[in-house]
Amino acid sequence: MSPAEIFAALGDPTRLSLIARLGDGNGRSIVQLGEGLPISRQAVAKHLEVLHGAGLVRRRKQGREVHFALRREAVAAAQDWLGRVGAQWDGTLARLKAFAEGEDYPPFP
């Protein structure tokens, strides 16, 4: 699972909603996850397959139903990536500020 795959999968409001519903750590069925959403059960299943393909959720068959759960390690990997990018931008902006204010600024790493 690459950051690009993860963020592409998260680039849809319905999929973000599904991730939020799974955020409490409890696995849920497609029916449970779809409650209150203005889309069909089949559409929920397709969104969950995208999330599964990106490694963000795992599925487990329980009787006749399939339950989905959040893969916290995948979410943590995305957070780590965002943290690294954020730190790079913080350094870049600090150098730009120092340059604009006529101060010495450290070179790029």
N, C-alpha and C. Protein backbone atom coordinates (compact mmCIF):
# COMPACT_ATOMS: atom_id res chain seq x y z
N MET A 1 0.83 -1.17 0.00
CA MET A 1 0.00 0.00 0.00
C MET A 1 0.88 1.24 0.00
N SER A 2 0.82 1.97 -1.07
CA SER A 2 1.60 3.20 -1.19
C SER A 2 0.75 4.37 -0.71
N PRO A 3 1.42 5.46 -0.31
CA PRO A 3 0.65 6.65 0.07
C PRO A 3 -0.30 7.10 -1.04
N ALA A 4 0.12 6.98 -2.29
CA ALA A 4 -0.75 7.40 -3.40
C ALA A 4 -2.02 6.56 -3.43
N GLU A 5 -1.90 5.25 -3.22
CA GLU A 5 -3.08 4.38 -3.22
C GLU A 5 -4.00 4.71 -2.04
N ILE A 6 -3.40 4.95 -0.90
CA ILE A 6 -4.20 5.27 0.29
C ILE A 6 -4.96 6.58 0.09
N PHE A 7 -4.25 7.61 -0.37
CA PHE A 7 -4.91 8.91 -0.51
C PHE A 7 -5.89 8.92 -1.66
N ALA A 8 -5.64 8.14 -2.69
CA ALA A 8 -6.63 8.02 -3.78
C ALA A 8 -7.91 7.39 -3.24
N ALA A 9 -7.76 6.36 -2.42
CA ALA A 9 -8.94 5.70 -1.84
C ALA A 9 -9.68 6.63 -0.90
N LEU A 10 -8.97 7.49 -0.20
CA LEU A 10 -9.60 8.41 0.74
C LEU A 10 -10.17 9.66 0.06
N GLY A 11 -9.96 9.77 -1.24
CA GLY A 11 -10.38 10.96 -1.97
C GLY A 11 -11.85 10.98 -2.35
N ASP A 12 -12.67 10.29 -1.61
CA ASP A 12 -14.10 10.24 -1.89
C ASP A 12 -14.85 10.44 -0.58
N PRO A 13 -15.83 11.33 -0.54
CA PRO A 13 -16.55 11.59 0.72
C PRO A 13 -17.24 10.36 1.31
N THR A 14 -17.76 9.49 0.47
CA THR A 14 -18.41 8.28 0.98
C THR A 14 -17.40 7.37 1.65
N ARG A 15 -16.24 7.21 1.02
CA ARG A 15 -15.21 6.34 1.62
C ARG A 15 -14.68 6.95 2.92
N LEU A 16 -14.56 8.27 2.97
CA LEU A 16 -14.15 8.90 4.24
C LEU A 16 -15.18 8.64 5.33
N SER A 17 -16.44 8.69 4.96
CA SER A 17 -17.51 8.40 5.91
C SER A 17 -17.42 6.96 6.41
N LEU A 18 -17.14 6.03 5.52
CA LEU A 18 -17.00 4.63 5.93
C LEU A 18 -15.81 4.45 6.87
N ILE A 19 -14.70 5.11 6.57
CA ILE A 19 -13.52 5.04 7.45
C ILE A 19 -13.88 5.60 8.82
N ALA A 20 -14.60 6.71 8.86
CA ALA A 20 -15.00 7.30 10.15
C ALA A 20 -15.89 6.35 10.93
N ARG A 21 -16.79 5.65 10.24
CA ARG A 21 -17.68 4.70 10.91
C ARG A 21 -16.91 3.52 11.49
N LEU A 22 -15.79 3.19 10.86
CA LEU A 22 -14.98 2.06 11.35
C LEU A 22 -13.94 2.51 12.37
N GLY A 23 -13.85 3.81 12.61
CA GLY A 23 -12.81 4.35 13.48
C GLY A 23 -12.89 3.94 14.93
N ASP A 24 -14.03 3.44 15.37
CA ASP A 24 -14.15 3.03 16.78
C ASP A 24 -13.55 1.65 17.04
N GLY A 25 -13.06 1.01 15.98
CA GLY A 25 -12.41 -0.29 16.15
C GLY A 25 -13.33 -1.48 16.05
N ASN A 26 -14.62 -1.24 15.92
CA ASN A 26 -15.57 -2.35 15.80
C ASN A 26 -15.79 -2.68 14.33
N GLY A 27 -15.70 -3.95 13.99
CA GLY A 27 -16.01 -4.37 12.64
C GLY A 27 -17.51 -4.27 12.39
N ARG A 28 -17.85 -4.02 11.15
CA ARG A 28 -19.26 -3.87 10.81
C ARG A 28 -19.54 -4.54 9.47
N SER A 29 -20.79 -4.94 9.30
CA SER A 29 -21.22 -5.53 8.03
C SER A 29 -21.51 -4.41 7.03
N ILE A 30 -21.66 -4.80 5.78
CA ILE A 30 -22.00 -3.82 4.73
C ILE A 30 -23.33 -3.15 5.07
N VAL A 31 -24.30 -3.92 5.55
CA VAL A 31 -25.61 -3.36 5.91
C VAL A 31 -25.46 -2.32 7.01
N GLN A 32 -24.70 -2.65 8.05
CA GLN A 32 -24.49 -1.71 9.16
C GLN A 32 -23.77 -0.45 8.68
N LEU A 33 -22.76 -0.62 7.85
CA LEU A 33 -22.01 0.53 7.37
C LEU A 33 -22.83 1.43 6.46
N GLY A 34 -23.78 0.83 5.76
CA GLY A 34 -24.59 1.60 4.83
C GLY A 34 -25.77 2.33 5.45
N GLU A 35 -26.06 2.03 6.72
CA GLU A 35 -27.22 2.66 7.37
C GLU A 35 -27.08 4.18 7.34
N GLY A 36 -28.11 4.83 6.82
CA GLY A 36 -28.13 6.28 6.79
C GLY A 36 -27.41 6.91 5.60
N LEU A 37 -26.76 6.10 4.80
CA LEU A 37 -26.09 6.63 3.62
C LEU A 37 -27.07 6.64 2.45
N PRO A 38 -26.99 7.65 1.60
CA PRO A 38 -27.95 7.74 0.48
C PRO A 38 -27.53 6.92 -0.75
N ILE A 39 -26.92 5.76 -0.51
CA ILE A 39 -26.47 4.91 -1.62
C ILE A 39 -26.90 3.48 -1.35
N SER A 40 -26.87 2.67 -2.40
CA SER A 40 -27.29 1.28 -2.28
C SER A 40 -26.25 0.44 -1.53
N ARG A 41 -26.69 -0.73 -1.11
CA ARG A 41 -25.76 -1.67 -0.46
C ARG A 41 -24.65 -2.07 -1.42
N GLN A 42 -24.98 -2.21 -2.71
CA GLN A 42 -23.98 -2.57 -3.71
C GLN A 42 -22.93 -1.46 -3.85
N ALA A 43 -23.36 -0.22 -3.78
CA ALA A 43 -22.42 0.91 -3.86
C ALA A 43 -21.51 0.93 -2.64
N VAL A 44 -22.07 0.64 -1.46
CA VAL A 44 -21.26 0.56 -0.24
C VAL A 44 -20.20 -0.53 -0.42
N ALA A 45 -20.61 -1.68 -0.95
CA ALA A 45 -19.67 -2.79 -1.17
C ALA A 45 -18.56 -2.39 -2.12
N LYS A 46 -18.88 -1.65 -3.16
CA LYS A 46 -17.84 -1.21 -4.10
C LYS A 46 -16.86 -0.25 -3.44
N HIS A 47 -17.38 0.66 -2.63
CA HIS A 47 -16.49 1.58 -1.91
C HIS A 47 -15.59 0.81 -0.95
N LEU A 48 -16.15 -0.18 -0.26
CA LEU A 48 -15.35 -0.98 0.66
C LEU A 48 -14.27 -1.78 -0.07
N GLU A 49 -14.56 -2.23 -1.28
CA GLU A 49 -13.54 -2.94 -2.07
C GLU A 49 -12.38 -2.01 -2.43
N VAL A 50 -12.68 -0.76 -2.72
CA VAL A 50 -11.61 0.21 -3.00
C VAL A 50 -10.75 0.40 -1.75
N LEU A 51 -11.40 0.55 -0.60
CA LEU A 51 -10.66 0.71 0.65
C LEU A 51 -9.85 -0.55 0.98
N HIS A 52 -10.42 -1.70 0.70
CA HIS A 52 -9.71 -2.96 0.93
C HIS A 52 -8.49 -3.06 -0.01
N GLY A 53 -8.68 -2.70 -1.26
CA GLY A 53 -7.59 -2.75 -2.23
C GLY A 53 -6.43 -1.83 -1.86
N ALA A 54 -6.74 -0.72 -1.18
CA ALA A 54 -5.71 0.21 -0.73
C ALA A 54 -5.09 -0.22 0.60
N GLY A 55 -5.61 -1.30 1.17
CA GLY A 55 -5.08 -1.80 2.43
C GLY A 55 -5.60 -1.09 3.67
N LEU A 56 -6.66 -0.31 3.53
CA LEU A 56 -7.18 0.46 4.66
C LEU A 56 -8.16 -0.32 5.53
N VAL A 57 -8.79 -1.32 4.96
CA VAL A 57 -9.72 -2.15 5.75
C VAL A 57 -9.42 -3.63 5.49
N ARG A 58 -9.80 -4.44 6.45
CA ARG A 58 -9.72 -5.89 6.25
C ARG A 58 -11.13 -6.44 6.33
N ARG A 59 -11.33 -7.55 5.65
CA ARG A 59 -12.66 -8.15 5.66
C ARG A 59 -12.58 -9.55 6.25
N ARG A 60 -13.68 -9.92 6.90
CA ARG A 60 -13.75 -11.23 7.55
C ARG A 60 -15.17 -11.75 7.36
N LYS A 61 -15.25 -12.95 6.86
CA LYS A 61 -16.56 -13.58 6.67
C LYS A 61 -17.06 -14.08 8.01
N GLN A 62 -18.30 -13.71 8.32
CA GLN A 62 -18.91 -14.13 9.57
C GLN A 62 -20.30 -14.66 9.23
N GLY A 63 -20.40 -15.97 9.11
CA GLY A 63 -21.65 -16.57 8.66
C GLY A 63 -21.91 -16.18 7.21
N ARG A 64 -23.08 -15.61 6.97
CA ARG A 64 -23.42 -15.20 5.60
C ARG A 64 -22.99 -13.77 5.30
N GLU A 65 -22.50 -13.07 6.30
CA GLU A 65 -22.12 -11.67 6.12
C GLU A 65 -20.61 -11.51 6.08
N VAL A 66 -20.20 -10.44 5.44
CA VAL A 66 -18.79 -10.04 5.45
C VAL A 66 -18.68 -8.80 6.32
N HIS A 67 -17.79 -8.86 7.29
CA HIS A 67 -17.56 -7.71 8.18
C HIS A 67 -16.25 -7.05 7.80
N PHE A 68 -16.24 -5.73 7.90
CA PHE A 68 -15.07 -4.94 7.58
C PHE A 68 -14.58 -4.25 8.84
N ALA A 69 -13.26 -4.13 8.96
CA ALA A 69 -12.64 -3.44 10.09
C ALA A 69 -11.50 -2.58 9.56
N LEU A 70 -11.24 -1.51 10.27
CA LEU A 70 -10.17 -0.59 9.90
C LEU A 70 -8.82 -1.21 10.19
N ARG A 71 -7.88 -1.05 9.27
CA ARG A 71 -6.50 -1.48 9.51
C ARG A 71 -5.74 -0.27 10.04
N ARG A 72 -5.64 -0.20 11.34
CA ARG A 72 -5.02 0.98 11.98
C ARG A 72 -3.59 1.21 11.53
N GLU A 73 -2.88 0.14 11.21
CA GLU A 73 -1.49 0.31 10.77
C GLU A 73 -1.42 1.06 9.43
N ALA A 74 -2.41 0.88 8.59
CA ALA A 74 -2.44 1.61 7.31
C ALA A 74 -2.73 3.09 7.54
N VAL A 75 -3.64 3.37 8.47
CA VAL A 75 -3.94 4.76 8.81
C VAL A 75 -2.71 5.41 9.44
N ALA A 76 -2.01 4.67 10.30
CA ALA A 76 -0.80 5.19 10.93
C ALA A 76 0.28 5.48 9.88
N ALA A 77 0.39 4.62 8.87
CA ALA A 77 1.37 4.85 7.80
C ALA A 77 1.05 6.13 7.04
N ALA A 78 -0.23 6.38 6.79
CA ALA A 78 -0.64 7.61 6.11
C ALA A 78 -0.33 8.82 6.99
N GLN A 79 -0.59 8.71 8.29
CA GLN A 79 -0.29 9.80 9.21
C GLN A 79 1.22 10.08 9.26
N ASP A 80 2.03 9.03 9.27
CA ASP A 80 3.49 9.20 9.26
C ASP A 80 3.93 9.94 8.01
N TRP A 81 3.40 9.53 6.88
CA TRP A 81 3.76 10.17 5.61
C TRP A 81 3.40 11.66 5.65
N LEU A 82 2.18 11.96 6.11
CA LEU A 82 1.76 13.36 6.22
C LEU A 82 2.64 14.13 7.19
N GLY A 83 3.05 13.49 8.27
CA GLY A 83 3.95 14.13 9.23
C GLY A 83 5.29 14.48 8.61
N ARG A 84 5.84 13.56 7.82
CA ARG A 84 7.13 13.84 7.17
C ARG A 84 7.00 14.98 6.16
N VAL A 85 5.94 14.96 5.38
CA VAL A 85 5.72 16.02 4.39
C VAL A 85 5.50 17.35 5.12
N GLY A 86 4.74 17.31 6.22
CA GLY A 86 4.51 18.52 6.99
C GLY A 86 5.79 19.09 7.55
N ALA A 87 6.68 18.23 8.04
CA ALA A 87 7.96 18.69 8.57
C ALA A 87 8.81 19.32 7.48
N GLN A 88 8.79 18.74 6.28
CA GLN A 88 9.53 19.32 5.16
C GLN A 88 9.01 20.71 4.84
N TRP A 89 7.69 20.85 4.81
CA TRP A 89 7.10 22.16 4.52
C TRP A 89 7.40 23.16 5.63
N ASP A 90 7.40 22.72 6.87
CA ASP A 90 7.74 23.61 7.98
C ASP A 90 9.15 24.17 7.79
N GLY A 91 10.09 23.29 7.42
CA GLY A 91 11.46 23.74 7.18
C GLY A 91 11.56 24.69 6.00
N THR A 92 10.85 24.37 4.94
CA THR A 92 10.86 25.23 3.75
C THR A 92 10.28 26.60 4.06
N LEU A 93 9.18 26.64 4.77
CA LEU A 93 8.56 27.91 5.11
C LEU A 93 9.42 28.72 6.08
N ALA A 94 10.11 28.04 7.00
CA ALA A 94 11.01 28.74 7.92
C ALA A 94 12.17 29.38 7.15
N ARG A 95 12.71 28.66 6.15
CA ARG A 95 13.78 29.23 5.34
C ARG A 95 13.28 30.41 4.51
N LEU A 96 12.08 30.30 3.97
CA LEU A 96 11.49 31.38 3.19
C LEU A 96 11.26 32.61 4.06
N LYS A 97 10.77 32.41 5.26
CA LYS A 97 10.56 33.52 6.19
C LYS A 97 11.88 34.20 6.53
N ALA A 98 12.90 33.39 6.83
CA ALA A 98 14.22 33.97 7.15
C ALA A 98 14.76 34.75 5.96
N PHE A 99 14.62 34.21 4.78
CA PHE A 99 15.08 34.89 3.57
C PHE A 99 14.34 36.22 3.39
N ALA A 100 13.01 36.20 3.54
CA ALA A 100 12.19 37.40 3.35
C ALA A 100 12.51 38.47 4.39
N GLU A 101 12.92 38.05 5.57
CA GLU A 101 13.25 39.00 6.64
C GLU A 101 14.72 39.37 6.64
N GLY A 102 15.47 38.91 5.64
CA GLY A 102 16.87 39.26 5.51
C GLY A 102 17.78 38.58 6.51
N GLU A 103 17.33 37.49 7.07
CA GLU A 103 18.13 36.75 8.05
C GLU A 103 18.88 35.62 7.34
N ASP A 104 19.89 35.09 8.05
CA ASP A 104 20.56 33.90 7.53
C ASP A 104 19.59 32.74 7.64
N TYR A 105 19.64 31.88 6.67
CA TYR A 105 18.75 30.73 6.69
C TYR A 105 19.55 29.50 6.34
N PRO A 106 19.18 28.39 6.96
CA PRO A 106 19.92 27.15 6.71
C PRO A 106 19.65 26.65 5.30
N PRO A 107 20.64 25.99 4.71
CA PRO A 107 20.41 25.43 3.37
C PRO A 107 19.45 24.24 3.43
N PHE A 108 18.97 23.87 2.28
CA PHE A 108 18.11 22.69 2.22
C PHE A 108 18.91 21.46 2.62
N PRO A 109 18.28 20.54 3.31
CA PRO A 109 19.00 19.32 3.73
C PRO A 109 19.38 18.46 2.55
